[in-house]
Amino acid sequence: METSVHIGFEQLKHLLLQLSPDEIADVKIFLDDLQRAKKGPENKKKLEELLLNGPTLSEDELARIEEARKSIDQWGKK
């Protein structure tokens, strides 16, 4: 069985004003989750584009990082 209720935005605001602070926090969490779920595919695509087309390290930069790691490891052993 399915029930549907159609209320206007003003009625919804009026109902929200009657909620306790804890209930309002729960509604906010729900709305944030809902918004994140709707943006999910878009954000995933942006992340994918960044990972595929974003900046990369050169061989020289990788070598300098490796040398720095070796120096840090040696410093920690002293």
PDB file of N, CA and C in Angstrom:
ATOM      1  N   MET A   1       0.851  -1.178   0.000  1.00  0.00           N
ATOM      2  CA  MET A   1       0.000   0.000   0.000  1.00  0.00           C
ATOM      3  C   MET A   1       0.890   1.232   0.000  1.00  0.00           C
ATOM      4  N   GLU A   2       0.547   2.173  -0.811  1.00  0.00           N
ATOM      5  CA  GLU A   2       1.333   3.391  -0.919  1.00  0.00           C
ATOM      6  C   GLU A   2       0.440   4.588  -0.660  1.00  0.00           C
ATOM      7  N   THR A   3       0.967   5.516   0.122  1.00  0.00           N
ATOM      8  CA  THR A   3       0.219   6.729   0.425  1.00  0.00           C
ATOM      9  C   THR A   3       1.037   7.914  -0.051  1.00  0.00           C
ATOM     10  N   SER A   4       0.399   8.878  -0.612  1.00  0.00           N
ATOM     11  CA  SER A   4       1.078  10.057  -1.099  1.00  0.00           C
ATOM     12  C   SER A   4       0.400  11.288  -0.508  1.00  0.00           C
ATOM     13  N   VAL A   5       1.220  12.231  -0.042  1.00  0.00           N
ATOM     14  CA  VAL A   5       0.706  13.471   0.514  1.00  0.00           C
ATOM     15  C   VAL A   5       1.353  14.618  -0.249  1.00  0.00           C
ATOM     16  N   HIS A   6       0.541  15.515  -0.746  1.00  0.00           N
ATOM     17  CA  HIS A   6       1.053  16.669  -1.476  1.00  0.00           C
ATOM     18  C   HIS A   6       0.870  17.905  -0.604  1.00  0.00           C
ATOM     19  N   ILE A   7       1.989  18.505  -0.216  1.00  0.00           N
ATOM     20  CA  ILE A   7       1.928  19.733   0.578  1.00  0.00           C
ATOM     21  C   ILE A   7       2.787  20.788  -0.112  1.00  0.00           C
ATOM     22  N   GLY A   8       2.440  22.007   0.110  1.00  0.00           N
ATOM     23  CA  GLY A   8       3.189  23.107  -0.469  1.00  0.00           C
ATOM     24  C   GLY A   8       4.450  23.398   0.335  1.00  0.00           C
ATOM     25  N   PHE A   9       5.314  24.185  -0.265  1.00  0.00           N
ATOM     26  CA  PHE A   9       6.567  24.520   0.390  1.00  0.00           C
ATOM     27  C   PHE A   9       6.340  25.274   1.696  1.00  0.00           C
ATOM     28  N   GLU A  10       5.393  26.181   1.695  1.00  0.00           N
ATOM     29  CA  GLU A  10       5.098  26.940   2.921  1.00  0.00           C
ATOM     30  C   GLU A  10       4.620  26.005   4.036  1.00  0.00           C
ATOM     31  N   GLN A  11       3.811  25.016   3.683  1.00  0.00           N
ATOM     32  CA  GLN A  11       3.355  24.045   4.683  1.00  0.00           C
ATOM     33  C   GLN A  11       4.537  23.223   5.200  1.00  0.00           C
ATOM     34  N   LEU A  12       5.426  22.887   4.308  1.00  0.00           N
ATOM     35  CA  LEU A  12       6.611  22.125   4.715  1.00  0.00           C
ATOM     36  C   LEU A  12       7.467  22.946   5.680  1.00  0.00           C
ATOM     37  N   LYS A  13       7.656  24.217   5.379  1.00  0.00           N
ATOM     38  CA  LYS A  13       8.418  25.082   6.288  1.00  0.00           C
ATOM     39  C   LYS A  13       7.749  25.149   7.653  1.00  0.00           C
ATOM     40  N   HIS A  14       6.427  25.261   7.660  1.00  0.00           N
ATOM     41  CA  HIS A  14       5.678  25.322   8.914  1.00  0.00           C
ATOM     42  C   HIS A  14       5.881  24.028   9.723  1.00  0.00           C
ATOM     43  N   LEU A  15       5.859  22.897   9.050  1.00  0.00           N
ATOM     44  CA  LEU A  15       6.085  21.613   9.740  1.00  0.00           C
ATOM     45  C   LEU A  15       7.506  21.520  10.285  1.00  0.00           C
ATOM     46  N   LEU A  16       8.466  21.995   9.512  1.00  0.00           N
ATOM     47  CA  LEU A  16       9.862  21.953   9.969  1.00  0.00           C
ATOM     48  C   LEU A  16      10.073  22.812  11.211  1.00  0.00           C
ATOM     49  N   LEU A  17       9.367  23.918  11.278  1.00  0.00           N
ATOM     50  CA  LEU A  17       9.495  24.800  12.443  1.00  0.00           C
ATOM     51  C   LEU A  17       8.997  24.133  13.729  1.00  0.00           C
ATOM     52  N   GLN A  18       8.188  23.119  13.605  1.00  0.00           N
ATOM     53  CA  GLN A  18       7.645  22.429  14.772  1.00  0.00           C
ATOM     54  C   GLN A  18       8.584  21.324  15.283  1.00  0.00           C
ATOM     55  N   LEU A  19       9.655  21.049  14.556  1.00  0.00           N
ATOM     56  CA  LEU A  19      10.568  19.970  14.952  1.00  0.00           C
ATOM     57  C   LEU A  19      11.491  20.398  16.085  1.00  0.00           C
ATOM     58  N   SER A  20      11.947  19.425  16.844  1.00  0.00           N
ATOM     59  CA  SER A  20      12.926  19.676  17.899  1.00  0.00           C
ATOM     60  C   SER A  20      14.298  19.881  17.261  1.00  0.00           C
ATOM     61  N   PRO A  21      15.249  20.449  17.998  1.00  0.00           N
ATOM     62  CA  PRO A  21      16.595  20.624  17.444  1.00  0.00           C
ATOM     63  C   PRO A  21      17.218  19.307  16.967  1.00  0.00           C
ATOM     64  N   ASP A  22      16.992  18.220  17.687  1.00  0.00           N
ATOM     65  CA  ASP A  22      17.533  16.926  17.267  1.00  0.00           C
ATOM     66  C   ASP A  22      16.898  16.460  15.959  1.00  0.00           C
ATOM     67  N   GLU A  23      15.595  16.664  15.826  1.00  0.00           N
ATOM     68  CA  GLU A  23      14.912  16.277  14.595  1.00  0.00           C
ATOM     69  C   GLU A  23      15.366  17.139  13.419  1.00  0.00           C
ATOM     70  N   ILE A  24      15.609  18.406  13.677  1.00  0.00           N
ATOM     71  CA  ILE A  24      16.110  19.299  12.626  1.00  0.00           C
ATOM     72  C   ILE A  24      17.490  18.833  12.170  1.00  0.00           C
ATOM     73  N   ALA A  25      18.335  18.426  13.115  1.00  0.00           N
ATOM     74  CA  ALA A  25      19.658  17.912  12.767  1.00  0.00           C
ATOM     75  C   ALA A  25      19.531  16.656  11.904  1.00  0.00           C
ATOM     76  N   ASP A  26      18.590  15.788  12.249  1.00  0.00           N
ATOM     77  CA  ASP A  26      18.364  14.580  11.453  1.00  0.00           C
ATOM     78  C   ASP A  26      17.895  14.921  10.041  1.00  0.00           C
ATOM     79  N   VAL A  27      17.022  15.919   9.921  1.00  0.00           N
ATOM     80  CA  VAL A  27      16.544  16.348   8.609  1.00  0.00           C
ATOM     81  C   VAL A  27      17.709  16.904   7.794  1.00  0.00           C
ATOM     82  N   LYS A  28      18.567  17.682   8.442  1.00  0.00           N
ATOM     83  CA  LYS A  28      19.724  18.247   7.742  1.00  0.00           C
ATOM     84  C   LYS A  28      20.641  17.142   7.236  1.00  0.00           C
ATOM     85  N   ILE A  29      20.906  16.146   8.058  1.00  0.00           N
ATOM     86  CA  ILE A  29      21.746  15.017   7.631  1.00  0.00           C
ATOM     87  C   ILE A  29      21.106  14.311   6.439  1.00  0.00           C
ATOM     88  N   PHE A  30      19.802  14.085   6.532  1.00  0.00           N
ATOM     89  CA  PHE A  30      19.081  13.435   5.433  1.00  0.00           C
ATOM     90  C   PHE A  30      19.207  14.245   4.140  1.00  0.00           C
ATOM     91  N   LEU A  31      19.001  15.556   4.227  1.00  0.00           N
ATOM     92  CA  LEU A  31      19.070  16.401   3.034  1.00  0.00           C
ATOM     93  C   LEU A  31      20.487  16.456   2.465  1.00  0.00           C
ATOM     94  N   ASP A  32      21.494  16.516   3.346  1.00  0.00           N
ATOM     95  CA  ASP A  32      22.883  16.495   2.884  1.00  0.00           C
ATOM     96  C   ASP A  32      23.200  15.193   2.158  1.00  0.00           C
ATOM     97  N   ASP A  33      22.750  14.065   2.722  1.00  0.00           N
ATOM     98  CA  ASP A  33      22.957  12.768   2.078  1.00  0.00           C
ATOM     99  C   ASP A  33      22.243  12.710   0.732  1.00  0.00           C
ATOM    100  N   LEU A  34      21.048  13.233   0.690  1.00  0.00           N
ATOM    101  CA  LEU A  34      20.273  13.247  -0.546  1.00  0.00           C
ATOM    102  C   LEU A  34      20.974  14.079  -1.611  1.00  0.00           C
ATOM    103  N   GLN A  35      21.465  15.234  -1.212  1.00  0.00           N
ATOM    104  CA  GLN A  35      22.161  16.105  -2.151  1.00  0.00           C
ATOM    105  C   GLN A  35      23.445  15.447  -2.650  1.00  0.00           C
ATOM    106  N   ARG A  36      24.197  14.800  -1.752  1.00  0.00           N
ATOM    107  CA  ARG A  36      25.418  14.099  -2.146  1.00  0.00           C
ATOM    108  C   ARG A  36      25.108  12.964  -3.122  1.00  0.00           C
ATOM    109  N   ALA A  37      24.034  12.250  -2.864  1.00  0.00           N
ATOM    110  CA  ALA A  37      23.656  11.132  -3.734  1.00  0.00           C
ATOM    111  C   ALA A  37      23.299  11.635  -5.135  1.00  0.00           C
ATOM    112  N   LYS A  38      22.651  12.775  -5.207  1.00  0.00           N
ATOM    113  CA  LYS A  38      22.290  13.323  -6.515  1.00  0.00           C
ATOM    114  C   LYS A  38      23.499  13.861  -7.254  1.00  0.00           C
ATOM    115  N   LYS A  39      24.504  14.329  -6.529  1.00  0.00           N
ATOM    116  CA  LYS A  39      25.711  14.858  -7.154  1.00  0.00           C
ATOM    117  C   LYS A  39      26.745  13.767  -7.406  1.00  0.00           C
ATOM    118  N   GLY A  40      26.532  12.589  -6.861  1.00  0.00           N
ATOM    119  CA  GLY A  40      27.503  11.506  -6.934  1.00  0.00           C
ATOM    120  C   GLY A  40      28.102  11.271  -8.305  1.00  0.00           C
ATOM    121  N   PRO A  41      27.298  10.988  -9.323  1.00  0.00           N
ATOM    122  CA  PRO A  41      27.878  10.714 -10.644  1.00  0.00           C
ATOM    123  C   PRO A  41      28.674  11.890 -11.200  1.00  0.00           C
ATOM    124  N   GLU A  42      28.202  13.103 -10.950  1.00  0.00           N
ATOM    125  CA  GLU A  42      28.911  14.283 -11.447  1.00  0.00           C
ATOM    126  C   GLU A  42      30.271  14.410 -10.773  1.00  0.00           C
ATOM    127  N   ASN A  43      30.307  14.240  -9.447  1.00  0.00           N
ATOM    128  CA  ASN A  43      31.566  14.328  -8.716  1.00  0.00           C
ATOM    129  C   ASN A  43      32.511  13.214  -9.132  1.00  0.00           C
ATOM    130  N   LYS A  44      31.971  12.018  -9.368  1.00  0.00           N
ATOM    131  CA  LYS A  44      32.802  10.897  -9.784  1.00  0.00           C
ATOM    132  C   LYS A  44      33.453  11.200 -11.126  1.00  0.00           C
ATOM    133  N   LYS A  45      32.692  11.801 -12.030  1.00  0.00           N
ATOM    134  CA  LYS A  45      33.237  12.132 -13.347  1.00  0.00           C
ATOM    135  C   LYS A  45      34.345  13.177 -13.218  1.00  0.00           C
ATOM    136  N   LYS A  46      34.147  14.180 -12.359  1.00  0.00           N
ATOM    137  CA  LYS A  46      35.172  15.200 -12.166  1.00  0.00           C
ATOM    138  C   LYS A  46      36.446  14.597 -11.588  1.00  0.00           C
ATOM    139  N   LEU A  47      36.303  13.683 -10.626  1.00  0.00           N
ATOM    140  CA  LEU A  47      37.464  13.027 -10.044  1.00  0.00           C
ATOM    141  C   LEU A  47      38.176  12.198 -11.099  1.00  0.00           C
ATOM    142  N   GLU A  48      37.410  11.479 -11.899  1.00  0.00           N
ATOM    143  CA  GLU A  48      38.003  10.659 -12.953  1.00  0.00           C
ATOM    144  C   GLU A  48      38.781  11.531 -13.933  1.00  0.00           C
ATOM    145  N   GLU A  49      38.201  12.671 -14.318  1.00  0.00           N
ATOM    146  CA  GLU A  49      38.889  13.584 -15.233  1.00  0.00           C
ATOM    147  C   GLU A  49      40.178  14.121 -14.612  1.00  0.00           C
ATOM    148  N   LEU A  50      40.135  14.461 -13.333  1.00  0.00           N
ATOM    149  CA  LEU A  50      41.321  14.951 -12.653  1.00  0.00           C
ATOM    150  C   LEU A  50      42.415  13.890 -12.631  1.00  0.00           C
ATOM    151  N   LEU A  51      42.034  12.663 -12.301  1.00  0.00           N
ATOM    152  CA  LEU A  51      43.024  11.594 -12.228  1.00  0.00           C
ATOM    153  C   LEU A  51      43.615  11.264 -13.600  1.00  0.00           C
ATOM    154  N   LEU A  52      42.795  11.335 -14.632  1.00  0.00           N
ATOM    155  CA  LEU A  52      43.282  11.008 -15.971  1.00  0.00           C
ATOM    156  C   LEU A  52      44.062  12.151 -16.618  1.00  0.00           C
ATOM    157  N   ASN A  53      43.669  13.386 -16.317  1.00  0.00           N
ATOM    158  CA  ASN A  53      44.269  14.538 -17.001  1.00  0.00           C
ATOM    159  C   ASN A  53      45.053  15.458 -16.079  1.00  0.00           C
ATOM    160  N   GLY A  54      45.117  15.120 -14.811  1.00  0.00           N
ATOM    161  CA  GLY A  54      45.767  15.990 -13.841  1.00  0.00           C
ATOM    162  C   GLY A  54      47.282  15.974 -13.957  1.00  0.00           C
ATOM    163  N   PRO A  55      47.924  16.789 -13.153  1.00  0.00           N
ATOM    164  CA  PRO A  55      49.385  16.864 -13.197  1.00  0.00           C
ATOM    165  C   PRO A  55      50.024  15.556 -12.734  1.00  0.00           C
ATOM    166  N   THR A  56      51.173  15.269 -13.293  1.00  0.00           N
ATOM    167  CA  THR A  56      51.945  14.085 -12.904  1.00  0.00           C
ATOM    168  C   THR A  56      53.364  14.512 -12.560  1.00  0.00           C
ATOM    169  N   LEU A  57      54.067  13.652 -11.872  1.00  0.00           N
ATOM    170  CA  LEU A  57      55.444  13.943 -11.491  1.00  0.00           C
ATOM    171  C   LEU A  57      56.390  13.490 -12.594  1.00  0.00           C
ATOM    172  N   SER A  58      57.431  14.262 -12.789  1.00  0.00           N
ATOM    173  CA  SER A  58      58.446  13.879 -13.769  1.00  0.00           C
ATOM    174  C   SER A  58      59.384  12.852 -13.128  1.00  0.00           C
ATOM    175  N   GLU A  59      60.202  12.230 -13.945  1.00  0.00           N
ATOM    176  CA  GLU A  59      61.181  11.258 -13.428  1.00  0.00           C
ATOM    177  C   GLU A  59      62.141  11.936 -12.446  1.00  0.00           C
ATOM    178  N   ASP A  60      62.534  13.176 -12.756  1.00  0.00           N
ATOM    179  CA  ASP A  60      63.440  13.918 -11.875  1.00  0.00           C
ATOM    180  C   ASP A  60      62.788  14.172 -10.513  1.00  0.00           C
ATOM    181  N   GLU A  61      61.515  14.564 -10.520  1.00  0.00           N
ATOM    182  CA  GLU A  61      60.799  14.813  -9.265  1.00  0.00           C
ATOM    183  C   GLU A  61      60.658  13.528  -8.452  1.00  0.00           C
ATOM    184  N   LEU A  62      60.362  12.425  -9.127  1.00  0.00           N
ATOM    185  CA  LEU A  62      60.262  11.139  -8.428  1.00  0.00           C
ATOM    186  C   LEU A  62      61.593  10.744  -7.809  1.00  0.00           C
ATOM    187  N   ALA A  63      62.688  10.984  -8.529  1.00  0.00           N
ATOM    188  CA  ALA A  63      64.022  10.664  -8.006  1.00  0.00           C
ATOM    189  C   ALA A  63      64.334  11.510  -6.773  1.00  0.00           C
ATOM    190  N   ARG A  64      63.978  12.801  -6.815  1.00  0.00           N
ATOM    191  CA  ARG A  64      64.233  13.661  -5.651  1.00  0.00           C
ATOM    192  C   ARG A  64      63.409  13.214  -4.452  1.00  0.00           C
ATOM    193  N   ILE A  65      62.185  12.793  -4.672  1.00  0.00           N
ATOM    194  CA  ILE A  65      61.344  12.299  -3.573  1.00  0.00           C
ATOM    195  C   ILE A  65      61.954  11.039  -2.981  1.00  0.00           C
ATOM    196  N   GLU A  66      62.425  10.146  -3.832  1.00  0.00           N
ATOM    197  CA  GLU A  66      63.045   8.910  -3.346  1.00  0.00           C
ATOM    198  C   GLU A  66      64.297   9.206  -2.528  1.00  0.00           C
ATOM    199  N   GLU A  67      65.106  10.143  -2.966  1.00  0.00           N
ATOM    200  CA  GLU A  67      66.303  10.534  -2.213  1.00  0.00           C
ATOM    201  C   GLU A  67      65.916  11.131  -0.858  1.00  0.00           C
ATOM    202  N   ALA A  68      64.883  11.950  -0.850  1.00  0.00           N
ATOM    203  CA  ALA A  68      64.422  12.539   0.409  1.00  0.00           C
ATOM    204  C   ALA A  68      63.931  11.450   1.356  1.00  0.00           C
ATOM    205  N   ARG A  69      63.241  10.451   0.852  1.00  0.00           N
ATOM    206  CA  ARG A  69      62.775   9.338   1.687  1.00  0.00           C
ATOM    207  C   ARG A  69      63.953   8.581   2.283  1.00  0.00           C
ATOM    208  N   LYS A  70      64.968   8.340   1.447  1.00  0.00           N
ATOM    209  CA  LYS A  70      66.156   7.629   1.943  1.00  0.00           C
ATOM    210  C   LYS A  70      66.833   8.442   3.042  1.00  0.00           C
ATOM    211  N   SER A  71      66.939   9.739   2.853  1.00  0.00           N
ATOM    212  CA  SER A  71      67.577  10.602   3.866  1.00  0.00           C
ATOM    213  C   SER A  71      66.774  10.590   5.164  1.00  0.00           C
ATOM    214  N   ILE A  72      65.476  10.639   5.061  1.00  0.00           N
ATOM    215  CA  ILE A  72      64.620  10.609   6.256  1.00  0.00           C
ATOM    216  C   ILE A  72      64.762   9.273   6.972  1.00  0.00           C
ATOM    217  N   ASP A  73      64.795   8.180   6.208  1.00  0.00           N
ATOM    218  CA  ASP A  73      64.971   6.858   6.829  1.00  0.00           C
ATOM    219  C   ASP A  73      66.300   6.761   7.565  1.00  0.00           C
ATOM    220  N   GLN A  74      67.367   7.280   6.954  1.00  0.00           N
ATOM    221  CA  GLN A  74      68.681   7.244   7.597  1.00  0.00           C
ATOM    222  C   GLN A  74      68.705   8.122   8.840  1.00  0.00           C
ATOM    223  N   TRP A  75      68.051   9.276   8.790  1.00  0.00           N
ATOM    224  CA  TRP A  75      68.016  10.179   9.929  1.00  0.00           C
ATOM    225  C   TRP A  75      67.287   9.516  11.085  1.00  0.00           C
ATOM    226  N   GLY A  76      66.241   8.783  10.814  1.00  0.00           N
ATOM    227  CA  GLY A  76      65.469   8.123  11.861  1.00  0.00           C
ATOM    228  C   GLY A  76      66.218   6.979  12.523  1.00  0.00           C
ATOM    229  N   LYS A  77      67.220   6.419  11.845  1.00  0.00           N
ATOM    230  CA  LYS A  77      67.972   5.281  12.382  1.00  0.00           C
ATOM    231  C   LYS A  77      69.137   5.736  13.245  1.00  0.00           C
ATOM    232  N   LYS A  78      69.498   6.999  13.225  1.00  0.00           N
ATOM    233  CA  LYS A  78      70.650   7.488  14.008  1.00  0.00           C
ATOM    234  C   LYS A  78      70.313   7.594  15.468  1.00  0.00           C
TER     235      LYS A  78
END
